[in-house]
N, C-alpha and C. Protein backbone atom coordinates (compact mmCIF):
# COMPACT_ATOMS: atom_id res chain seq x y z
N MET A 1 31.46 -0.88 67.82
CA MET A 1 30.60 -1.90 68.37
C MET A 1 31.39 -3.20 68.49
N ILE A 2 31.40 -3.77 69.67
CA ILE A 2 32.10 -5.02 69.92
C ILE A 2 31.14 -6.17 69.63
N SER A 3 31.58 -7.10 68.78
CA SER A 3 30.75 -8.25 68.42
C SER A 3 30.54 -9.14 69.64
N SER A 4 29.49 -9.91 69.61
CA SER A 4 29.16 -10.77 70.75
C SER A 4 30.12 -11.94 70.92
N SER A 5 30.90 -12.26 69.90
CA SER A 5 31.82 -13.41 70.03
C SER A 5 33.28 -12.96 70.03
N VAL A 6 33.57 -11.90 70.80
CA VAL A 6 34.93 -11.38 70.92
C VAL A 6 35.43 -11.70 72.32
N PHE A 7 36.68 -12.14 72.41
CA PHE A 7 37.29 -12.44 73.70
C PHE A 7 38.39 -11.42 73.95
N VAL A 8 38.23 -10.62 75.00
CA VAL A 8 39.22 -9.61 75.36
C VAL A 8 39.70 -9.96 76.76
N LEU A 9 40.99 -10.23 76.88
CA LEU A 9 41.54 -10.67 78.15
C LEU A 9 42.55 -9.64 78.67
N GLY A 10 42.15 -8.77 79.58
CA GLY A 10 43.07 -7.84 80.21
C GLY A 10 43.69 -6.82 79.27
N SER A 11 42.94 -6.30 78.33
CA SER A 11 43.45 -5.32 77.37
C SER A 11 42.61 -4.05 77.41
N GLY A 12 43.14 -2.98 76.80
CA GLY A 12 42.42 -1.72 76.76
C GLY A 12 41.93 -1.40 75.36
N LEU A 13 40.63 -1.17 75.23
CA LEU A 13 40.05 -0.79 73.95
C LEU A 13 39.51 0.63 74.08
N ALA A 14 39.91 1.50 73.15
CA ALA A 14 39.45 2.89 73.18
C ALA A 14 38.03 3.01 72.64
N PHE A 15 37.48 4.19 72.74
CA PHE A 15 36.14 4.50 72.26
C PHE A 15 36.07 4.29 70.74
N GLY A 16 34.98 3.72 70.28
CA GLY A 16 34.74 3.59 68.84
C GLY A 16 35.42 2.41 68.17
N VAL A 17 35.87 1.42 68.92
CA VAL A 17 36.48 0.23 68.33
C VAL A 17 35.37 -0.71 67.84
N THR A 18 35.54 -1.25 66.63
CA THR A 18 34.57 -2.16 66.04
C THR A 18 35.28 -3.48 65.73
N THR A 19 34.64 -4.59 66.05
CA THR A 19 35.24 -5.89 65.76
C THR A 19 34.25 -6.80 65.04
N GLY A 20 34.80 -7.72 64.27
CA GLY A 20 33.99 -8.76 63.65
C GLY A 20 33.82 -9.93 64.60
N HIS A 21 33.13 -10.96 64.17
CA HIS A 21 32.91 -12.15 65.00
C HIS A 21 34.19 -12.96 65.13
N GLY A 22 34.35 -13.61 66.28
CA GLY A 22 35.45 -14.53 66.49
C GLY A 22 36.80 -13.88 66.68
N VAL A 23 36.86 -12.63 67.09
CA VAL A 23 38.12 -11.93 67.31
C VAL A 23 38.65 -12.31 68.70
N MET A 24 39.98 -12.53 68.80
CA MET A 24 40.62 -12.84 70.08
C MET A 24 41.67 -11.77 70.35
N ILE A 25 41.55 -11.09 71.49
CA ILE A 25 42.51 -10.06 71.89
C ILE A 25 43.07 -10.48 73.24
N LEU A 26 44.36 -10.84 73.27
CA LEU A 26 44.98 -11.32 74.50
C LEU A 26 45.46 -10.17 75.38
N GLY A 27 46.06 -10.50 76.52
CA GLY A 27 46.44 -9.54 77.54
C GLY A 27 47.40 -8.46 77.12
N GLN A 28 47.23 -7.31 77.75
CA GLN A 28 48.08 -6.14 77.62
C GLN A 28 48.14 -5.57 76.21
N CYS A 29 47.07 -5.70 75.45
CA CYS A 29 46.97 -5.07 74.13
C CYS A 29 46.36 -3.68 74.30
N GLY A 30 46.70 -2.80 73.39
CA GLY A 30 46.10 -1.47 73.35
C GLY A 30 45.54 -1.23 71.96
N VAL A 31 44.26 -0.91 71.88
CA VAL A 31 43.61 -0.70 70.59
C VAL A 31 43.05 0.72 70.58
N GLY A 32 43.57 1.55 69.65
CA GLY A 32 43.22 2.96 69.59
C GLY A 32 41.83 3.23 69.04
N HIS A 33 41.38 4.45 69.24
CA HIS A 33 40.03 4.90 68.85
C HIS A 33 39.78 4.71 67.35
N GLY A 34 38.55 4.38 67.01
CA GLY A 34 38.14 4.28 65.62
C GLY A 34 38.71 3.09 64.87
N THR A 35 39.28 2.14 65.56
CA THR A 35 39.88 0.96 64.93
C THR A 35 38.81 -0.07 64.58
N THR A 36 39.00 -0.75 63.45
CA THR A 36 38.12 -1.84 63.04
C THR A 36 38.95 -3.10 62.89
N ILE A 37 38.59 -4.14 63.63
CA ILE A 37 39.31 -5.42 63.59
C ILE A 37 38.42 -6.44 62.90
N GLY A 38 38.94 -7.03 61.82
CA GLY A 38 38.15 -7.94 61.00
C GLY A 38 37.87 -9.28 61.66
N GLU A 39 36.84 -9.92 61.16
CA GLU A 39 36.37 -11.22 61.65
C GLU A 39 37.51 -12.24 61.75
N GLY A 40 37.53 -12.98 62.86
CA GLY A 40 38.47 -14.08 63.04
C GLY A 40 39.91 -13.67 63.26
N SER A 41 40.17 -12.39 63.51
CA SER A 41 41.55 -11.93 63.72
C SER A 41 42.01 -12.23 65.14
N TYR A 42 43.33 -12.33 65.32
CA TYR A 42 43.93 -12.74 66.59
C TYR A 42 45.04 -11.77 66.95
N LEU A 43 44.94 -11.14 68.12
CA LEU A 43 45.98 -10.25 68.61
C LEU A 43 46.66 -10.92 69.79
N SER A 44 47.93 -11.28 69.62
CA SER A 44 48.71 -11.88 70.70
C SER A 44 48.96 -10.84 71.78
N GLY A 45 49.53 -11.25 72.89
CA GLY A 45 49.79 -10.35 74.01
C GLY A 45 50.67 -9.16 73.64
N GLY A 46 50.32 -7.99 74.17
CA GLY A 46 51.14 -6.80 74.01
C GLY A 46 51.06 -6.11 72.66
N VAL A 47 50.11 -6.48 71.81
CA VAL A 47 49.94 -5.83 70.50
C VAL A 47 49.39 -4.43 70.73
N TYR A 48 49.88 -3.46 69.93
CA TYR A 48 49.40 -2.09 70.03
C TYR A 48 48.95 -1.59 68.67
N PHE A 49 47.72 -1.07 68.60
CA PHE A 49 47.18 -0.43 67.40
C PHE A 49 46.99 1.05 67.70
N GLY A 50 47.54 1.92 66.85
CA GLY A 50 47.25 3.34 66.95
C GLY A 50 45.79 3.57 66.57
N GLY A 51 45.38 4.81 66.47
CA GLY A 51 44.00 5.12 66.12
C GLY A 51 43.68 4.89 64.66
N THR A 52 42.43 4.57 64.38
CA THR A 52 41.87 4.41 63.04
C THR A 52 42.61 3.36 62.22
N VAL A 53 43.01 2.28 62.83
CA VAL A 53 43.60 1.13 62.13
C VAL A 53 42.45 0.26 61.63
N THR A 54 42.61 -0.32 60.43
CA THR A 54 41.61 -1.23 59.89
C THR A 54 42.31 -2.53 59.51
N THR A 55 41.84 -3.65 60.05
CA THR A 55 42.41 -4.94 59.67
C THR A 55 41.38 -5.74 58.88
N GLY A 56 41.87 -6.58 58.00
CA GLY A 56 41.00 -7.46 57.25
C GLY A 56 40.58 -8.66 58.09
N LYS A 57 39.98 -9.62 57.43
CA LYS A 57 39.54 -10.84 58.11
C LYS A 57 40.71 -11.80 58.30
N PHE A 58 40.66 -12.55 59.39
CA PHE A 58 41.59 -13.65 59.68
C PHE A 58 43.05 -13.22 59.67
N CYS A 59 43.34 -12.08 60.28
CA CYS A 59 44.72 -11.61 60.42
C CYS A 59 45.29 -12.09 61.75
N PHE A 60 46.61 -12.25 61.79
CA PHE A 60 47.31 -12.67 63.01
C PHE A 60 48.38 -11.63 63.33
N PHE A 61 48.39 -11.17 64.57
CA PHE A 61 49.38 -10.19 65.02
C PHE A 61 50.18 -10.83 66.15
N GLY A 62 51.48 -11.02 65.91
CA GLY A 62 52.36 -11.68 66.87
C GLY A 62 52.63 -10.83 68.10
N LEU A 63 53.24 -11.44 69.07
CA LEU A 63 53.55 -10.83 70.36
C LEU A 63 54.21 -9.47 70.18
N ARG A 64 53.64 -8.44 70.80
CA ARG A 64 54.15 -7.06 70.82
C ARG A 64 54.28 -6.41 69.45
N ALA A 65 53.51 -6.84 68.47
CA ALA A 65 53.49 -6.16 67.17
C ALA A 65 52.85 -4.78 67.35
N THR A 66 53.30 -3.82 66.56
CA THR A 66 52.78 -2.45 66.63
C THR A 66 52.31 -2.02 65.25
N VAL A 67 51.11 -1.44 65.18
CA VAL A 67 50.57 -0.91 63.93
C VAL A 67 50.27 0.57 64.17
N TYR A 68 50.88 1.45 63.38
CA TYR A 68 50.73 2.89 63.54
C TYR A 68 49.33 3.37 63.14
N ASP A 69 49.05 4.64 63.45
CA ASP A 69 47.77 5.27 63.12
C ASP A 69 47.45 5.20 61.62
N LYS A 70 46.18 5.03 61.32
CA LYS A 70 45.62 5.11 59.96
C LYS A 70 46.20 4.10 58.98
N VAL A 71 46.66 2.96 59.47
CA VAL A 71 47.17 1.89 58.60
C VAL A 71 46.04 0.92 58.31
N GLN A 72 45.99 0.43 57.06
CA GLN A 72 45.00 -0.56 56.66
C GLN A 72 45.72 -1.86 56.32
N ILE A 73 45.24 -2.97 56.90
CA ILE A 73 45.81 -4.30 56.70
C ILE A 73 44.79 -5.14 55.93
N CYS A 74 45.24 -5.82 54.87
CA CYS A 74 44.36 -6.67 54.04
C CYS A 74 43.96 -7.94 54.79
N ASP A 75 43.11 -8.76 54.17
CA ASP A 75 42.70 -10.06 54.73
C ASP A 75 43.89 -11.02 54.77
N ASP A 76 43.85 -11.96 55.73
CA ASP A 76 44.79 -13.09 55.82
C ASP A 76 46.25 -12.66 55.92
N VAL A 77 46.54 -11.61 56.68
CA VAL A 77 47.91 -11.12 56.84
C VAL A 77 48.46 -11.59 58.18
N ILE A 78 49.73 -11.94 58.18
CA ILE A 78 50.44 -12.27 59.42
C ILE A 78 51.45 -11.16 59.68
N VAL A 79 51.34 -10.52 60.84
CA VAL A 79 52.31 -9.50 61.26
C VAL A 79 53.12 -10.15 62.36
N SER A 80 54.42 -10.31 62.12
CA SER A 80 55.25 -11.10 63.04
C SER A 80 55.49 -10.40 64.37
N ALA A 81 55.95 -11.17 65.33
CA ALA A 81 56.20 -10.68 66.68
C ALA A 81 57.21 -9.53 66.68
N SER A 82 56.95 -8.53 67.51
CA SER A 82 57.82 -7.37 67.72
C SER A 82 58.05 -6.52 66.47
N SER A 83 57.24 -6.70 65.44
CA SER A 83 57.40 -5.89 64.23
C SER A 83 56.62 -4.58 64.35
N ILE A 84 56.97 -3.63 63.49
CA ILE A 84 56.30 -2.34 63.45
C ILE A 84 55.79 -2.14 62.03
N ASP A 85 54.48 -1.89 61.90
CA ASP A 85 53.87 -1.69 60.60
C ASP A 85 53.45 -0.23 60.49
N ARG A 86 54.16 0.53 59.63
CA ARG A 86 53.88 1.96 59.49
C ARG A 86 53.12 2.29 58.22
N LYS A 87 53.00 1.34 57.29
CA LYS A 87 52.34 1.60 56.02
C LYS A 87 51.27 0.56 55.76
N SER A 88 50.25 0.94 55.01
CA SER A 88 49.16 0.03 54.67
C SER A 88 49.63 -1.09 53.76
N THR A 89 48.98 -2.27 53.86
CA THR A 89 49.33 -3.40 52.99
C THR A 89 48.24 -3.63 51.98
């Protein structure tokens, strides 16, 4: 379920994506099935989430960051630009 205060600009969201309030998803992002994006999180351009990713509240994902399938990210995490996150934090 997409929250009413989510901004998605030119990105692809798969079936079953859930977001909290105040989420910003910029252009050319890909968000896989079953993903949950926490309240107030920000996805810069070109971010890719595999399936069943869970992010905490107020996370920031830099330009072209990649998060693999089934990874869980805690609250208030910064994932830097062009990084790859293969394990849960």
